[in-house]
Amino acid sequence: MQFKNIIAFVSLAVMASAAPAENLVERTTPGQAVQNQCSQGQTAKCCNSLQKAVANLIPIQIGLNCVSLDLLSVLPIGDQCTQSQALACCSSGQQTGLVNIGNVCVPVSL
């Protein structure tokens, strides 16, 4: 008799675990939403300014004094970047004081 109860319990547990989870929704943080707009090899950053420059006769924008966004934070982008900072997708460059060497950026709009 006890064996039947165990079998019934196990089969009920298996059926419950196999049921589809209808309420599971994939959520992205504000930082991830911006990062999803960036090309491969670029990172979402807050830059104090974006300066136009020319490299090999190609106009580019260089990010100055950039800080990477916290992709896991649930804070709105306005709480991660100040209003005076530019939100951009930047290739990874070296941080050297106020100038980022090789930090080519593309502005992002929300």
PDB file of N, CA and C in Angstrom:
ATOM      1  N   MET A   1       0.816  -1.181   0.000  1.00  0.00           N
ATOM      2  CA  MET A   1       0.000   0.000   0.000  1.00  0.00           C
ATOM      3  C   MET A   1       0.871   1.261   0.000  1.00  0.00           C
ATOM      4  N   GLN A   2       1.906   1.228   0.795  1.00  0.00           N
ATOM      5  CA  GLN A   2       2.792   2.389   0.861  1.00  0.00           C
ATOM      6  C   GLN A   2       3.532   2.576  -0.472  1.00  0.00           C
ATOM      7  N   PHE A   3       3.802   1.479  -1.157  1.00  0.00           N
ATOM      8  CA  PHE A   3       4.474   1.553  -2.450  1.00  0.00           C
ATOM      9  C   PHE A   3       3.602   2.293  -3.466  1.00  0.00           C
ATOM     10  N   LYS A   4       2.270   2.070  -3.445  1.00  0.00           N
ATOM     11  CA  LYS A   4       1.352   2.757  -4.348  1.00  0.00           C
ATOM     12  C   LYS A   4       1.358   4.265  -4.086  1.00  0.00           C
ATOM     13  N   ASN A   5       1.430   4.645  -2.815  1.00  0.00           N
ATOM     14  CA  ASN A   5       1.462   6.073  -2.474  1.00  0.00           C
ATOM     15  C   ASN A   5       2.729   6.735  -2.996  1.00  0.00           C
ATOM     16  N   ILE A   6       3.831   6.029  -2.885  1.00  0.00           N
ATOM     17  CA  ILE A   6       5.112   6.572  -3.368  1.00  0.00           C
ATOM     18  C   ILE A   6       5.067   6.737  -4.879  1.00  0.00           C
ATOM     19  N   ILE A   7       4.552   5.715  -5.586  1.00  0.00           N
ATOM     20  CA  ILE A   7       4.454   5.784  -7.047  1.00  0.00           C
ATOM     21  C   ILE A   7       3.531   6.932  -7.460  1.00  0.00           C
ATOM     22  N   ALA A   8       2.417   7.101  -6.789  1.00  0.00           N
ATOM     23  CA  ALA A   8       1.481   8.176  -7.108  1.00  0.00           C
ATOM     24  C   ALA A   8       2.135   9.540  -6.877  1.00  0.00           C
ATOM     25  N   PHE A   9       2.853   9.680  -5.781  1.00  0.00           N
ATOM     26  CA  PHE A   9       3.524  10.942  -5.467  1.00  0.00           C
ATOM     27  C   PHE A   9       4.591  11.268  -6.512  1.00  0.00           C
ATOM     28  N   VAL A  10       5.411  10.282  -6.870  1.00  0.00           N
ATOM     29  CA  VAL A  10       6.484  10.497  -7.848  1.00  0.00           C
ATOM     30  C   VAL A  10       5.898  10.840  -9.218  1.00  0.00           C
ATOM     31  N   SER A  11       4.844  10.144  -9.628  1.00  0.00           N
ATOM     32  CA  SER A  11       4.257  10.437 -10.945  1.00  0.00           C
ATOM     33  C   SER A  11       3.622  11.831 -10.963  1.00  0.00           C
ATOM     34  N   LEU A  12       3.012  12.235  -9.854  1.00  0.00           N
ATOM     35  CA  LEU A  12       2.451  13.583  -9.760  1.00  0.00           C
ATOM     36  C   LEU A  12       3.555  14.637  -9.838  1.00  0.00           C
ATOM     37  N   ALA A  13       4.677  14.380  -9.164  1.00  0.00           N
ATOM     38  CA  ALA A  13       5.802  15.317  -9.197  1.00  0.00           C
ATOM     39  C   ALA A  13       6.388  15.424 -10.601  1.00  0.00           C
ATOM     40  N   VAL A  14       6.463  14.309 -11.309  1.00  0.00           N
ATOM     41  CA  VAL A  14       7.003  14.317 -12.674  1.00  0.00           C
ATOM     42  C   VAL A  14       6.078  15.102 -13.596  1.00  0.00           C
ATOM     43  N   MET A  15       4.775  14.908 -13.457  1.00  0.00           N
ATOM     44  CA  MET A  15       3.825  15.641 -14.300  1.00  0.00           C
ATOM     45  C   MET A  15       3.881  17.140 -14.012  1.00  0.00           C
ATOM     46  N   ALA A  16       4.014  17.517 -12.758  1.00  0.00           N
ATOM     47  CA  ALA A  16       4.064  18.930 -12.396  1.00  0.00           C
ATOM     48  C   ALA A  16       5.336  19.593 -12.922  1.00  0.00           C
ATOM     49  N   SER A  17       6.434  18.859 -12.897  1.00  0.00           N
ATOM     50  CA  SER A  17       7.688  19.453 -13.375  1.00  0.00           C
ATOM     51  C   SER A  17       7.725  19.539 -14.888  1.00  0.00           C
ATOM     52  N   ALA A  18       6.949  18.703 -15.588  1.00  0.00           N
ATOM     53  CA  ALA A  18       6.935  18.719 -17.048  1.00  0.00           C
ATOM     54  C   ALA A  18       5.952  19.750 -17.603  1.00  0.00           C
ATOM     55  N   ALA A  19       5.113  20.311 -16.749  1.00  0.00           N
ATOM     56  CA  ALA A  19       4.134  21.293 -17.206  1.00  0.00           C
ATOM     57  C   ALA A  19       4.854  22.567 -17.643  1.00  0.00           C
ATOM     58  N   PRO A  20       4.414  23.189 -18.744  1.00  0.00           N
ATOM     59  CA  PRO A  20       5.079  24.417 -19.199  1.00  0.00           C
ATOM     60  C   PRO A  20       4.860  25.565 -18.214  1.00  0.00           C
ATOM     61  N   ALA A  21       5.893  26.342 -18.052  1.00  0.00           N
ATOM     62  CA  ALA A  21       5.807  27.509 -17.172  1.00  0.00           C
ATOM     63  C   ALA A  21       5.334  28.686 -18.010  1.00  0.00           C
ATOM     64  N   GLU A  22       4.074  29.050 -17.872  1.00  0.00           N
ATOM     65  CA  GLU A  22       3.476  30.082 -18.715  1.00  0.00           C
ATOM     66  C   GLU A  22       3.902  31.486 -18.318  1.00  0.00           C
ATOM     67  N   ASN A  23       4.200  31.692 -17.070  1.00  0.00           N
ATOM     68  CA  ASN A  23       4.461  33.042 -16.582  1.00  0.00           C
ATOM     69  C   ASN A  23       5.937  33.427 -16.614  1.00  0.00           C
ATOM     70  N   LEU A  24       6.788  32.576 -17.161  1.00  0.00           N
ATOM     71  CA  LEU A  24       8.200  32.921 -17.234  1.00  0.00           C
ATOM     72  C   LEU A  24       8.416  33.873 -18.401  1.00  0.00           C
ATOM     73  N   VAL A  25       8.901  35.061 -18.103  1.00  0.00           N
ATOM     74  CA  VAL A  25       9.163  36.078 -19.109  1.00  0.00           C
ATOM     75  C   VAL A  25      10.627  36.466 -19.010  1.00  0.00           C
ATOM     76  N   GLU A  26      11.297  36.481 -20.142  1.00  0.00           N
ATOM     77  CA  GLU A  26      12.697  36.894 -20.135  1.00  0.00           C
ATOM     78  C   GLU A  26      12.751  38.403 -19.944  1.00  0.00           C
ATOM     79  N   ARG A  27      13.471  38.834 -18.956  1.00  0.00           N
ATOM     80  CA  ARG A  27      13.566  40.263 -18.656  1.00  0.00           C
ATOM     81  C   ARG A  27      14.994  40.725 -18.908  1.00  0.00           C
ATOM     82  N   THR A  28      15.102  41.929 -19.437  1.00  0.00           N
ATOM     83  CA  THR A  28      16.423  42.513 -19.628  1.00  0.00           C
ATOM     84  C   THR A  28      16.516  43.773 -18.782  1.00  0.00           C
ATOM     85  N   THR A  29      17.702  44.025 -18.281  1.00  0.00           N
ATOM     86  CA  THR A  29      17.935  45.237 -17.505  1.00  0.00           C
ATOM     87  C   THR A  29      18.127  46.392 -18.484  1.00  0.00           C
ATOM     88  N   PRO A  30      18.014  47.641 -18.002  1.00  0.00           N
ATOM     89  CA  PRO A  30      18.235  48.787 -18.911  1.00  0.00           C
ATOM     90  C   PRO A  30      19.613  48.737 -19.588  1.00  0.00           C
ATOM     91  N   GLY A  31      20.637  48.338 -18.842  1.00  0.00           N
ATOM     92  CA  GLY A  31      21.976  48.251 -19.424  1.00  0.00           C
ATOM     93  C   GLY A  31      22.062  47.192 -20.515  1.00  0.00           C
ATOM     94  N   GLN A  32      21.383  46.054 -20.306  1.00  0.00           N
ATOM     95  CA  GLN A  32      21.373  45.007 -21.324  1.00  0.00           C
ATOM     96  C   GLN A  32      20.627  45.461 -22.573  1.00  0.00           C
ATOM     97  N   ALA A  33      19.563  46.250 -22.383  1.00  0.00           N
ATOM     98  CA  ALA A  33      18.804  46.753 -23.529  1.00  0.00           C
ATOM     99  C   ALA A  33      19.676  47.641 -24.404  1.00  0.00           C
ATOM    100  N   VAL A  34      20.518  48.453 -23.783  1.00  0.00           N
ATOM    101  CA  VAL A  34      21.439  49.296 -24.555  1.00  0.00           C
ATOM    102  C   VAL A  34      22.522  48.433 -25.185  1.00  0.00           C
ATOM    103  N   GLN A  35      23.072  47.484 -24.415  1.00  0.00           N
ATOM    104  CA  GLN A  35      24.128  46.614 -24.924  1.00  0.00           C
ATOM    105  C   GLN A  35      23.640  45.830 -26.142  1.00  0.00           C
ATOM    106  N   ASN A  36      22.362  45.466 -26.176  1.00  0.00           N
ATOM    107  CA  ASN A  36      21.811  44.726 -27.315  1.00  0.00           C
ATOM    108  C   ASN A  36      21.831  45.551 -28.596  1.00  0.00           C
ATOM    109  N   GLN A  37      21.929  46.864 -28.496  1.00  0.00           N
ATOM    110  CA  GLN A  37      22.008  47.728 -29.676  1.00  0.00           C
ATOM    111  C   GLN A  37      23.432  47.813 -30.217  1.00  0.00           C
ATOM    112  N   CYS A  38      24.406  47.386 -29.431  1.00  0.00           N
ATOM    113  CA  CYS A  38      25.810  47.496 -29.832  1.00  0.00           C
ATOM    114  C   CYS A  38      26.217  46.340 -30.744  1.00  0.00           C
ATOM    115  N   SER A  39      27.165  46.623 -31.622  1.00  0.00           N
ATOM    116  CA  SER A  39      27.722  45.589 -32.489  1.00  0.00           C
ATOM    117  C   SER A  39      28.633  44.676 -31.673  1.00  0.00           C
ATOM    118  N   GLN A  40      28.973  43.554 -32.265  1.00  0.00           N
ATOM    119  CA  GLN A  40      29.878  42.628 -31.594  1.00  0.00           C
ATOM    120  C   GLN A  40      31.237  43.301 -31.390  1.00  0.00           C
ATOM    121  N   GLY A  41      31.787  43.144 -30.221  1.00  0.00           N
ATOM    122  CA  GLY A  41      33.074  43.761 -29.908  1.00  0.00           C
ATOM    123  C   GLY A  41      32.945  45.154 -29.327  1.00  0.00           C
ATOM    124  N   GLN A  42      31.720  45.660 -29.225  1.00  0.00           N
ATOM    125  CA  GLN A  42      31.493  46.974 -28.632  1.00  0.00           C
ATOM    126  C   GLN A  42      30.830  46.814 -27.266  1.00  0.00           C
ATOM    127  N   THR A  43      31.025  47.818 -26.420  1.00  0.00           N
ATOM    128  CA  THR A  43      30.466  47.820 -25.076  1.00  0.00           C
ATOM    129  C   THR A  43      29.681  49.102 -24.863  1.00  0.00           C
ATOM    130  N   ALA A  44      28.545  48.978 -24.184  1.00  0.00           N
ATOM    131  CA  ALA A  44      27.737  50.154 -23.855  1.00  0.00           C
ATOM    132  C   ALA A  44      28.458  50.970 -22.786  1.00  0.00           C
ATOM    133  N   LYS A  45      28.640  52.278 -23.045  1.00  0.00           N
ATOM    134  CA  LYS A  45      29.385  53.139 -22.123  1.00  0.00           C
ATOM    135  C   LYS A  45      28.723  54.502 -21.999  1.00  0.00           C
ATOM    136  N   CYS A  46      29.022  55.161 -20.880  1.00  0.00           N
ATOM    137  CA  CYS A  46      28.662  56.563 -20.670  1.00  0.00           C
ATOM    138  C   CYS A  46      29.946  57.361 -20.869  1.00  0.00           C
ATOM    139  N   CYS A  47      29.941  58.279 -21.828  1.00  0.00           N
ATOM    140  CA  CYS A  47      31.143  59.066 -22.123  1.00  0.00           C
ATOM    141  C   CYS A  47      30.888  60.533 -21.786  1.00  0.00           C
ATOM    142  N   ASN A  48      31.899  61.175 -21.223  1.00  0.00           N
ATOM    143  CA  ASN A  48      31.760  62.602 -20.923  1.00  0.00           C
ATOM    144  C   ASN A  48      31.580  63.413 -22.191  1.00  0.00           C
ATOM    145  N   SER A  49      32.185  62.959 -23.276  1.00  0.00           N
ATOM    146  CA  SER A  49      31.960  63.613 -24.566  1.00  0.00           C
ATOM    147  C   SER A  49      32.373  62.686 -25.691  1.00  0.00           C
ATOM    148  N   LEU A  50      31.808  62.949 -26.862  1.00  0.00           N
ATOM    149  CA  LEU A  50      32.193  62.253 -28.090  1.00  0.00           C
ATOM    150  C   LEU A  50      32.788  63.295 -29.020  1.00  0.00           C
ATOM    151  N   GLN A  51      34.037  63.116 -29.398  1.00  0.00           N
ATOM    152  CA  GLN A  51      34.738  64.073 -30.246  1.00  0.00           C
ATOM    153  C   GLN A  51      34.897  63.492 -31.650  1.00  0.00           C
ATOM    154  N   LYS A  52      34.614  64.319 -32.652  1.00  0.00           N
ATOM    155  CA  LYS A  52      34.820  63.891 -34.034  1.00  0.00           C
ATOM    156  C   LYS A  52      36.302  63.924 -34.347  1.00  0.00           C
ATOM    157  N   ALA A  53      36.748  62.912 -35.064  1.00  0.00           N
ATOM    158  CA  ALA A  53      38.154  62.822 -35.457  1.00  0.00           C
ATOM    159  C   ALA A  53      38.206  62.175 -36.841  1.00  0.00           C
ATOM    160  N   VAL A  54      39.382  62.183 -37.431  1.00  0.00           N
ATOM    161  CA  VAL A  54      39.582  61.549 -38.734  1.00  0.00           C
ATOM    162  C   VAL A  54      40.724  60.552 -38.593  1.00  0.00           C
ATOM    163  N   ALA A  55      40.459  59.320 -38.982  1.00  0.00           N
ATOM    164  CA  ALA A  55      41.484  58.271 -38.953  1.00  0.00           C
ATOM    165  C   ALA A  55      41.569  57.680 -40.356  1.00  0.00           C
ATOM    166  N   ASN A  56      42.714  57.812 -40.991  1.00  0.00           N
ATOM    167  CA  ASN A  56      42.908  57.322 -42.366  1.00  0.00           C
ATOM    168  C   ASN A  56      41.821  57.843 -43.306  1.00  0.00           C
ATOM    169  N   LEU A  57      41.529  59.114 -43.205  1.00  0.00           N
ATOM    170  CA  LEU A  57      40.550  59.818 -44.027  1.00  0.00           C
ATOM    171  C   LEU A  57      39.103  59.367 -43.768  1.00  0.00           C
ATOM    172  N   ILE A  58      38.868  58.624 -42.683  1.00  0.00           N
ATOM    173  CA  ILE A  58      37.516  58.180 -42.334  1.00  0.00           C
ATOM    174  C   ILE A  58      37.078  58.932 -41.081  1.00  0.00           C
ATOM    175  N   PRO A  59      35.951  59.638 -41.154  1.00  0.00           N
ATOM    176  CA  PRO A  59      35.487  60.339 -39.949  1.00  0.00           C
ATOM    177  C   PRO A  59      34.975  59.346 -38.896  1.00  0.00           C
ATOM    178  N   ILE A  60      35.429  59.516 -37.680  1.00  0.00           N
ATOM    179  CA  ILE A  60      35.026  58.646 -36.575  1.00  0.00           C
ATOM    180  C   ILE A  60      34.696  59.520 -35.362  1.00  0.00           C
ATOM    181  N   GLN A  61      34.130  58.916 -34.344  1.00  0.00           N
ATOM    182  CA  GLN A  61      33.900  59.603 -33.084  1.00  0.00           C
ATOM    183  C   GLN A  61      34.684  58.880 -32.004  1.00  0.00           C
ATOM    184  N   ILE A  62      35.398  59.669 -31.228  1.00  0.00           N
ATOM    185  CA  ILE A  62      36.213  59.135 -30.140  1.00  0.00           C
ATOM    186  C   ILE A  62      35.506  59.466 -28.826  1.00  0.00           C
ATOM    187  N   GLY A  63      35.342  58.456 -27.969  1.00  0.00           N
ATOM    188  CA  GLY A  63      34.746  58.677 -26.654  1.00  0.00           C
ATOM    189  C   GLY A  63      35.807  59.139 -25.670  1.00  0.00           C
ATOM    190  N   LEU A  64      35.523  60.217 -24.948  1.00  0.00           N
ATOM    191  CA  LEU A  64      36.458  60.733 -23.956  1.00  0.00           C
ATOM    192  C   LEU A  64      35.934  60.451 -22.555  1.00  0.00           C
ATOM    193  N   ASN A  65      36.800  59.885 -21.735  1.00  0.00           N
ATOM    194  CA  ASN A  65      36.500  59.591 -20.333  1.00  0.00           C
ATOM    195  C   ASN A  65      35.217  58.764 -20.207  1.00  0.00           C
ATOM    196  N   CYS A  66      35.242  57.566 -20.777  1.00  0.00           N
ATOM    197  CA  CYS A  66      34.065  56.695 -20.803  1.00  0.00           C
ATOM    198  C   CYS A  66      34.094  55.688 -19.653  1.00  0.00           C
ATOM    199  N   VAL A  67      32.899  55.338 -19.188  1.00  0.00           N
ATOM    200  CA  VAL A  67      32.732  54.344 -18.138  1.00  0.00           C
ATOM    201  C   VAL A  67      31.714  53.326 -18.635  1.00  0.00           C
ATOM    202  N   SER A  68      32.015  52.041 -18.488  1.00  0.00           N
ATOM    203  CA  SER A  68      31.097  50.989 -18.927  1.00  0.00           C
ATOM    204  C   SER A  68      29.824  50.990 -18.093  1.00  0.00           C
ATOM    205  N   LEU A  69      28.707  50.670 -18.744  1.00  0.00           N
ATOM    206  CA  LEU A  69      27.431  50.543 -18.038  1.00  0.00           C
ATOM    207  C   LEU A  69      27.432  49.260 -17.214  1.00  0.00           C
ATOM    208  N   ASP A  70      26.726  49.277 -16.107  1.00  0.00           N
ATOM    209  CA  ASP A  70      26.526  48.073 -15.310  1.00  0.00           C
ATOM    210  C   ASP A  70      25.371  47.314 -15.945  1.00  0.00           C
ATOM    211  N   LEU A  71      25.682  46.216 -16.631  1.00  0.00           N
ATOM    212  CA  LEU A  71      24.660  45.491 -17.374  1.00  0.00           C
ATOM    213  C   LEU A  71      23.691  44.740 -16.480  1.00  0.00           C
ATOM    214  N   LEU A  72      24.066  44.464 -15.231  1.00  0.00           N
ATOM    215  CA  LEU A  72      23.202  43.713 -14.328  1.00  0.00           C
ATOM    216  C   LEU A  72      22.333  44.607 -13.457  1.00  0.00           C
ATOM    217  N   SER A  73      22.626  45.889 -13.437  1.00  0.00           N
ATOM    218  CA  SER A  73      21.881  46.812 -12.584  1.00  0.00           C
ATOM    219  C   SER A  73      20.472  47.022 -13.129  1.00  0.00           C
ATOM    220  N   VAL A  74      19.514  47.086 -12.224  1.00  0.00           N
ATOM    221  CA  VAL A  74      18.136  47.361 -12.633  1.00  0.00           C
ATOM    222  C   VAL A  74      17.842  48.861 -12.619  1.00  0.00           C
ATOM    223  N   LEU A  75      18.855  49.665 -12.288  1.00  0.00           N
ATOM    224  CA  LEU A  75      18.679  51.116 -12.290  1.00  0.00           C
ATOM    225  C   LEU A  75      18.456  51.613 -13.711  1.00  0.00           C
ATOM    226  N   PRO A  76      17.611  52.618 -13.885  1.00  0.00           N
ATOM    227  CA  PRO A  76      17.446  53.201 -15.217  1.00  0.00           C
ATOM    228  C   PRO A  76      18.761  53.811 -15.710  1.00  0.00           C
ATOM    229  N   ILE A  77      18.875  53.922 -17.022  1.00  0.00           N
ATOM    230  CA  ILE A  77      20.099  54.470 -17.616  1.00  0.00           C
ATOM    231  C   ILE A  77      20.369  55.865 -17.082  1.00  0.00           C
ATOM    232  N   GLY A  78      19.334  56.655 -16.828  1.00  0.00           N
ATOM    233  CA  GLY A  78      19.500  58.010 -16.300  1.00  0.00           C
ATOM    234  C   GLY A  78      20.166  58.034 -14.938  1.00  0.00           C
ATOM    235  N   ASP A  79      20.096  56.933 -14.190  1.00  0.00           N
ATOM    236  CA  ASP A  79      20.776  56.857 -12.898  1.00  0.00           C
ATOM    237  C   ASP A  79      22.203  56.343 -13.034  1.00  0.00           C
ATOM    238  N   GLN A  80      22.550  55.775 -14.187  1.00  0.00           N
ATOM    239  CA  GLN A  80      23.907  55.285 -14.411  1.00  0.00           C
ATOM    240  C   GLN A  80      24.754  56.315 -15.161  1.00  0.00           C
ATOM    241  N   CYS A  81      24.133  57.039 -16.077  1.00  0.00           N
ATOM    242  CA  CYS A  81      24.819  58.097 -16.830  1.00  0.00           C
ATOM    243  C   CYS A  81      24.213  59.429 -16.399  1.00  0.00           C
ATOM    244  N   THR A  82      25.058  60.419 -16.257  1.00  0.00           N
ATOM    245  CA  THR A  82      24.514  61.741 -15.953  1.00  0.00           C
ATOM    246  C   THR A  82      23.915  62.330 -17.227  1.00  0.00           C
ATOM    247  N   GLN A  83      23.111  63.358 -17.075  1.00  0.00           N
ATOM    248  CA  GLN A  83      22.441  63.958 -18.221  1.00  0.00           C
ATOM    249  C   GLN A  83      23.432  64.576 -19.204  1.00  0.00           C
ATOM    250  N   SER A  84      24.595  64.984 -18.709  1.00  0.00           N
ATOM    251  CA  SER A  84      25.575  65.609 -19.596  1.00  0.00           C
ATOM    252  C   SER A  84      26.439  64.575 -20.322  1.00  0.00           C
ATOM    253  N   GLN A  85      26.346  63.297 -19.945  1.00  0.00           N
ATOM    254  CA  GLN A  85      27.147  62.268 -20.602  1.00  0.00           C
ATOM    255  C   GLN A  85      26.432  61.730 -21.835  1.00  0.00           C
ATOM    256  N   ALA A  86      27.220  61.245 -22.772  1.00  0.00           N
ATOM    257  CA  ALA A  86      26.688  60.646 -23.992  1.00  0.00           C
ATOM    258  C   ALA A  86      26.652  59.137 -23.827  1.00  0.00           C
ATOM    259  N   LEU A  87      25.557  58.514 -24.214  1.00  0.00           N
ATOM    260  CA  LEU A  87      25.418  57.071 -24.197  1.00  0.00           C
ATOM    261  C   LEU A  87      25.882  56.560 -25.547  1.00  0.00           C
ATOM    262  N   ALA A  88      26.837  55.611 -25.540  1.00  0.00           N
ATOM    263  CA  ALA A  88      27.415  55.165 -26.800  1.00  0.00           C
ATOM    264  C   ALA A  88      27.863  53.715 -26.716  1.00  0.00           C
ATOM    265  N   CYS A  89      27.990  53.094 -27.884  1.00  0.00           N
ATOM    266  CA  CYS A  89      28.595  51.771 -28.011  1.00  0.00           C
ATOM    267  C   CYS A  89      30.027  52.009 -28.475  1.00  0.00           C
ATOM    268  N   CYS A  90      30.979  51.573 -27.673  1.00  0.00           N
ATOM    269  CA  CYS A  90      32.391  51.857 -27.966  1.00  0.00           C
ATOM    270  C   CYS A  90      33.181  50.574 -28.093  1.00  0.00           C
ATOM    271  N   SER A  91      34.147  50.607 -29.024  1.00  0.00           N
ATOM    272  CA  SER A  91      35.102  49.509 -29.087  1.00  0.00           C
ATOM    273  C   SER A  91      35.994  49.636 -27.866  1.00  0.00           C
ATOM    274  N   SER A  92      36.510  48.531 -27.411  1.00  0.00           N
ATOM    275  CA  SER A  92      37.321  48.600 -26.191  1.00  0.00           C
ATOM    276  C   SER A  92      38.647  49.270 -26.506  1.00  0.00           C
ATOM    277  N   GLY A  93      38.921  50.321 -25.794  1.00  0.00           N
ATOM    278  CA  GLY A  93      40.172  51.046 -25.944  1.00  0.00           C
ATOM    279  C   GLY A  93      40.824  51.200 -24.593  1.00  0.00           C
ATOM    280  N   GLN A  94      42.066  51.592 -24.575  1.00  0.00           N
ATOM    281  CA  GLN A  94      42.778  51.779 -23.322  1.00  0.00           C
ATOM    282  C   GLN A  94      42.379  53.102 -22.684  1.00  0.00           C
ATOM    283  N   GLN A  95      42.166  53.077 -21.393  1.00  0.00           N
ATOM    284  CA  GLN A  95      41.869  54.301 -20.649  1.00  0.00           C
ATOM    285  C   GLN A  95      43.199  54.926 -20.244  1.00  0.00           C
ATOM    286  N   THR A  96      43.493  56.116 -20.785  1.00  0.00           N
ATOM    287  CA  THR A  96      44.730  56.805 -20.475  1.00  0.00           C
ATOM    288  C   THR A  96      44.385  58.231 -20.107  1.00  0.00           C
ATOM    289  N   GLY A  97      44.097  58.460 -18.833  1.00  0.00           N
ATOM    290  CA  GLY A  97      43.709  59.803 -18.411  1.00  0.00           C
ATOM    291  C   GLY A  97      42.386  60.184 -19.036  1.00  0.00           C
ATOM    292  N   LEU A  98      42.331  61.350 -19.662  1.00  0.00           N
ATOM    293  CA  LEU A  98      41.086  61.814 -20.264  1.00  0.00           C
ATOM    294  C   LEU A  98      40.891  61.298 -21.681  1.00  0.00           C
ATOM    295  N   VAL A  99      41.926  60.749 -22.277  1.00  0.00           N
ATOM    296  CA  VAL A  99      41.839  60.308 -23.666  1.00  0.00           C
ATOM    297  C   VAL A  99      41.860  58.790 -23.721  1.00  0.00           C
ATOM    298  N   ASN A 100      40.879  58.208 -24.416  1.00  0.00           N
ATOM    299  CA  ASN A 100      40.823  56.767 -24.607  1.00  0.00           C
ATOM    300  C   ASN A 100      41.420  56.440 -25.966  1.00  0.00           C
ATOM    301  N   ILE A 101      42.547  55.760 -25.966  1.00  0.00           N
ATOM    302  CA  ILE A 101      43.206  55.413 -27.215  1.00  0.00           C
ATOM    303  C   ILE A 101      42.408  54.294 -27.887  1.00  0.00           C
ATOM    304  N   GLY A 102      41.992  54.528 -29.112  1.00  0.00           N
ATOM    305  CA  GLY A 102      41.268  53.515 -29.863  1.00  0.00           C
ATOM    306  C   GLY A 102      39.834  53.326 -29.420  1.00  0.00           C
ATOM    307  N   ASN A 103      39.277  54.253 -28.672  1.00  0.00           N
ATOM    308  CA  ASN A 103      37.915  54.122 -28.170  1.00  0.00           C
ATOM    309  C   ASN A 103      36.939  54.741 -29.168  1.00  0.00           C
ATOM    310  N   VAL A 104      36.717  54.063 -30.284  1.00  0.00           N
ATOM    311  CA  VAL A 104      35.820  54.554 -31.328  1.00  0.00           C
ATOM    312  C   VAL A 104      34.391  54.233 -30.887  1.00  0.00           C
ATOM    313  N   CYS A 105      33.522  55.244 -30.929  1.00  0.00           N
ATOM    314  CA  CYS A 105      32.168  55.110 -30.383  1.00  0.00           C
ATOM    315  C   CYS A 105      31.105  55.445 -31.409  1.00  0.00           C
ATOM    316  N   VAL A 106      29.950  54.850 -31.210  1.00  0.00           N
ATOM    317  CA  VAL A 106      28.756  55.140 -31.997  1.00  0.00           C
ATOM    318  C   VAL A 106      27.679  55.558 -31.006  1.00  0.00           C
ATOM    319  N   PRO A 107      27.104  56.761 -31.154  1.00  0.00           N
ATOM    320  CA  PRO A 107      26.060  57.196 -30.222  1.00  0.00           C
ATOM    321  C   PRO A 107      24.847  56.265 -30.266  1.00  0.00           C
ATOM    322  N   VAL A 108      24.196  56.089 -29.118  1.00  0.00           N
ATOM    323  CA  VAL A 108      23.017  55.240 -28.995  1.00  0.00           C
ATOM    324  C   VAL A 108      21.853  56.101 -28.527  1.00  0.00           C
ATOM    325  N   SER A 109      20.703  55.888 -29.129  1.00  0.00           N
ATOM    326  CA  SER A 109      19.511  56.584 -28.650  1.00  0.00           C
ATOM    327  C   SER A 109      18.627  55.581 -27.937  1.00  0.00           C
ATOM    328  N   LEU A 110      17.930  56.064 -26.925  1.00  0.00           N
ATOM    329  CA  LEU A 110      17.070  55.167 -26.146  1.00  0.00           C
ATOM    330  C   LEU A 110      15.698  55.054 -26.755  1.00  0.00           C
TER     331      LEU A 110
END
